[in-house]
Amino acid sequence: MKVEQKGHTTTIKDTQGNILNFLEKVTHEHASYKNQNLILDVTHDKNVALKDIKAFSDLSKTHRKGKKSLVIVAENIDFNEVPTKLIVVPSLQEAHDIIEMEEIERDLGF
C-alpha cells in the first residue's frame, strides 16, 4: 500500500494486487484518512471485478457521511454496471477532477 498526500486529497495505491486485503487495510486505517478526500487506486490488480468494487460500498458510505469524497480508480470494468453510490473512474486525473467538482458543489451548498 502506497500513500500519497497532496493538499486535501490522499491517494492510496494497492501495491499487492489483492483488492480484498487492500479494502481491509484501508477500512482498518480509515480514522487517519477520514478528514481527507480519498482516491483508492486499484489499477495494480488486473483481475478486479465488479463484485470487488462493490465491496467498497460500506467504506464509501461511511466516508461520504463526513462530507468528503471517495473515488476508486479501476481499469477493465464496465463502468455502466457500477452502483450509483460508488464513484469509479479509469484514471487518476479523472479522480482528481471528480474531487474538485465535488468540493465546489459542497462549497456552494449542494
Protein backbone atom coordinates (compact mmCIF):
# COMPACT_ATOMS: atom_id res chain seq x y z
CA MET A 1 0.00 0.00 0.00
CA LYS A 2 1.44 3.34 -1.04
CA VAL A 3 0.02 6.55 0.44
CA GLU A 4 0.49 9.94 -1.17
CA GLN A 5 -1.00 13.14 0.21
CA LYS A 6 -1.49 16.27 -1.84
CA GLY A 7 -3.49 19.18 -0.48
CA HIS A 8 -6.91 17.99 0.69
CA THR A 9 -6.64 14.63 -1.09
CA THR A 10 -4.94 11.37 -0.14
CA THR A 11 -4.22 8.78 -2.82
CA ILE A 12 -3.83 5.21 -1.62
CA LYS A 13 -2.47 2.72 -4.14
CA ASP A 14 -2.84 -1.02 -3.87
CA THR A 15 0.64 -2.42 -4.49
CA GLN A 16 -0.13 -6.04 -3.54
CA GLY A 17 -2.67 -6.84 -6.25
CA ASN A 18 -5.18 -8.23 -3.74
CA ILE A 19 -8.18 -5.93 -3.61
CA LEU A 20 -9.86 -7.55 -0.60
CA ASN A 21 -6.73 -7.25 1.55
CA PHE A 22 -6.41 -3.66 0.35
CA LEU A 23 -10.02 -2.91 1.35
CA GLU A 24 -9.39 -4.44 4.78
CA LYS A 25 -6.27 -2.29 5.34
CA VAL A 26 -7.93 0.93 4.20
CA THR A 27 -11.00 0.23 6.32
CA HIS A 28 -8.82 -0.52 9.35
CA GLU A 29 -6.88 2.74 8.91
CA HIS A 30 -9.88 4.86 7.88
CA ALA A 31 -9.78 7.00 11.02
CA SER A 32 -6.48 8.53 9.91
CA TYR A 33 -7.93 9.46 6.48
CA LYS A 34 -11.46 10.48 7.41
CA ASN A 35 -10.77 14.23 7.08
CA GLN A 36 -9.29 13.89 3.58
CA ASN A 37 -10.77 13.20 0.18
CA LEU A 38 -9.68 9.69 -0.80
CA ILE A 39 -8.60 8.21 -4.09
CA LEU A 40 -8.26 4.44 -3.93
CA ASP A 41 -6.15 3.23 -6.85
CA VAL A 42 -6.64 -0.48 -7.57
CA THR A 43 -5.23 -0.44 -11.11
CA HIS A 44 -2.30 -2.62 -9.99
CA ASP A 45 -4.71 -5.57 -9.69
CA LYS A 46 -5.59 -6.50 -13.28
CA ASN A 47 -8.23 -9.03 -12.15
CA VAL A 48 -10.54 -6.54 -10.44
CA ALA A 49 -14.15 -7.47 -10.99
CA LEU A 50 -17.34 -5.53 -10.39
CA LYS A 51 -18.09 -7.58 -7.26
CA ASP A 52 -14.72 -6.48 -5.83
CA ILE A 53 -15.58 -2.83 -6.47
CA LYS A 54 -18.99 -3.27 -4.84
CA ALA A 55 -17.20 -4.42 -1.65
CA PHE A 56 -16.16 -0.77 -1.15
CA SER A 57 -19.79 0.35 -0.72
CA ASP A 58 -19.77 0.45 3.09
CA LEU A 59 -16.45 2.31 3.23
CA SER A 60 -17.70 4.82 0.65
CA LYS A 61 -20.93 5.40 2.57
CA THR A 62 -19.04 5.95 5.82
CA HIS A 63 -16.55 8.32 4.20
CA ARG A 64 -19.21 10.37 2.43
CA LYS A 65 -21.10 10.90 5.71
CA GLY A 66 -18.11 13.02 6.73
CA LYS A 67 -18.69 15.27 3.70
CA LYS A 68 -15.57 14.02 1.91
CA SER A 69 -15.15 12.35 -1.48
CA LEU A 70 -14.08 8.77 -2.12
CA VAL A 71 -13.17 7.83 -5.68
CA ILE A 72 -11.98 4.43 -6.85
CA VAL A 73 -9.62 4.18 -9.83
CA ALA A 74 -10.01 0.86 -11.66
CA GLU A 75 -9.48 -0.46 -15.16
CA ASN A 76 -11.20 -3.14 -17.22
CA ILE A 77 -14.62 -2.95 -15.61
CA ASP A 78 -17.98 -1.96 -17.07
CA PHE A 79 -18.50 1.50 -15.58
CA ASN A 80 -22.19 1.39 -16.54
CA GLU A 81 -22.69 -1.52 -14.12
CA VAL A 82 -21.18 0.27 -11.10
CA PRO A 83 -23.79 1.21 -8.46
CA THR A 84 -24.58 4.93 -8.39
CA LYS A 85 -23.46 5.23 -4.76
CA LEU A 86 -19.88 4.46 -5.82
CA ILE A 87 -17.67 6.67 -7.94
CA VAL A 88 -15.32 4.66 -10.13
CA VAL A 89 -13.14 6.18 -12.85
CA PRO A 90 -10.44 4.77 -15.16
CA SER A 91 -7.63 7.28 -14.39
CA LEU A 92 -6.08 9.26 -11.55
CA GLN A 93 -6.64 12.53 -13.42
CA GLU A 94 -10.37 11.85 -13.64
CA ALA A 95 -10.42 11.03 -9.91
CA HIS A 96 -8.82 14.40 -9.11
CA ASP A 97 -11.31 16.14 -11.42
CA ILE A 98 -14.29 14.47 -9.70
CA ILE A 99 -12.99 15.51 -6.27
CA GLU A 100 -12.54 19.11 -7.41
CA MET A 101 -16.11 19.18 -8.76
CA GLU A 102 -17.50 17.71 -5.52
CA GLU A 103 -15.50 20.23 -3.45
CA ILE A 104 -17.04 23.07 -5.48
CA GLU A 105 -20.53 21.57 -5.02
CA ARG A 106 -20.01 21.33 -1.24
CA ASP A 107 -18.74 24.92 -1.13
CA LEU A 108 -21.88 26.04 -2.95
CA GLY A 109 -24.09 24.10 -0.54
CA PHE A 110 -25.28 21.24 -2.76
